[in-house]
Amino acid sequence: MEIRENELCTITGGAIKIAGWLIGGGIFTLVVGIIDGFLRPLTCHK
């Protein structure tokens, strides 16, 4: 059983998918945190 060159180009590893989800989740969390900070700023009581 041989793998053709076009089949090799379509193979993606599991680590690539996991890393993509982790990076996407991190960016989403950062954006939500920034928006939340602008909408509900915390005051500092000295």
C-alpha atoms as a PDB file:
ATOM      1  CA  MET A   1       0.000   0.000   0.000  1.00  0.00           C
ATOM      2  CA  GLU A   2       1.613   3.198  -1.192  1.00  0.00           C
ATOM      3  CA  ILE A   3       0.671   6.723  -0.240  1.00  0.00           C
ATOM      4  CA  ARG A   4       0.521   9.117  -3.140  1.00  0.00           C
ATOM      5  CA  GLU A   5       2.005  12.610  -2.949  1.00  0.00           C
ATOM      6  CA  ASN A   6      -1.393  14.355  -2.937  1.00  0.00           C
ATOM      7  CA  GLU A   7      -2.499  12.127  -0.033  1.00  0.00           C
ATOM      8  CA  LEU A   8       0.604  13.134   1.924  1.00  0.00           C
ATOM      9  CA  CYS A   9      -0.313  16.802   1.555  1.00  0.00           C
ATOM     10  CA  THR A  10      -3.760  16.241   3.093  1.00  0.00           C
ATOM     11  CA  ILE A  11      -2.527  14.466   6.243  1.00  0.00           C
ATOM     12  CA  THR A  12      -2.578  16.602   9.376  1.00  0.00           C
ATOM     13  CA  GLY A  13      -1.336  15.442  12.734  1.00  0.00           C
ATOM     14  CA  GLY A  14      -3.363  15.461  15.913  1.00  0.00           C
ATOM     15  CA  ALA A  15      -0.952  17.841  17.628  1.00  0.00           C
ATOM     16  CA  ILE A  16      -1.603  20.496  14.994  1.00  0.00           C
ATOM     17  CA  LYS A  17      -5.345  20.367  15.636  1.00  0.00           C
ATOM     18  CA  ILE A  18      -4.902  20.458  19.419  1.00  0.00           C
ATOM     19  CA  ALA A  19      -2.487  23.396  19.198  1.00  0.00           C
ATOM     20  CA  GLY A  20      -4.931  25.245  16.956  1.00  0.00           C
ATOM     21  CA  TRP A  21      -7.769  24.791  19.434  1.00  0.00           C
ATOM     22  CA  LEU A  22      -5.557  25.904  22.344  1.00  0.00           C
ATOM     23  CA  ILE A  23      -4.358  29.022  20.532  1.00  0.00           C
ATOM     24  CA  GLY A  24      -7.886  29.859  19.395  1.00  0.00           C
ATOM     25  CA  GLY A  25      -9.242  29.392  22.913  1.00  0.00           C
ATOM     26  CA  GLY A  26      -6.499  31.577  24.362  1.00  0.00           C
ATOM     27  CA  ILE A  27      -7.176  34.379  21.893  1.00  0.00           C
ATOM     28  CA  PHE A  28     -10.930  34.131  22.544  1.00  0.00           C
ATOM     29  CA  THR A  29     -10.378  34.310  26.313  1.00  0.00           C
ATOM     30  CA  LEU A  30      -8.086  37.323  25.924  1.00  0.00           C
ATOM     31  CA  VAL A  31     -10.582  39.215  23.773  1.00  0.00           C
ATOM     32  CA  VAL A  32     -13.460  38.470  26.142  1.00  0.00           C
ATOM     33  CA  GLY A  33     -11.339  39.632  29.090  1.00  0.00           C
ATOM     34  CA  ILE A  34     -10.426  42.893  27.364  1.00  0.00           C
ATOM     35  CA  ILE A  35     -14.054  43.605  26.464  1.00  0.00           C
ATOM     36  CA  ASP A  36     -15.155  42.752  30.016  1.00  0.00           C
ATOM     37  CA  GLY A  37     -12.510  45.095  31.411  1.00  0.00           C
ATOM     38  CA  PHE A  38     -13.807  47.994  29.364  1.00  0.00           C
ATOM     39  CA  LEU A  39     -17.457  47.315  30.170  1.00  0.00           C
ATOM     40  CA  ARG A  40     -16.979  46.627  33.920  1.00  0.00           C
ATOM     41  CA  PRO A  41     -13.809  48.347  35.119  1.00  0.00           C
ATOM     42  CA  LEU A  42     -12.776  47.526  38.690  1.00  0.00           C
ATOM     43  CA  THR A  43     -12.061  50.466  40.967  1.00  0.00           C
ATOM     44  CA  CYS A  44      -9.031  50.551  43.221  1.00  0.00           C
ATOM     45  CA  HIS A  45      -9.777  51.545  46.836  1.00  0.00           C
ATOM     46  CA  LYS A  46      -6.655  52.939  48.472  1.00  0.00           C
END
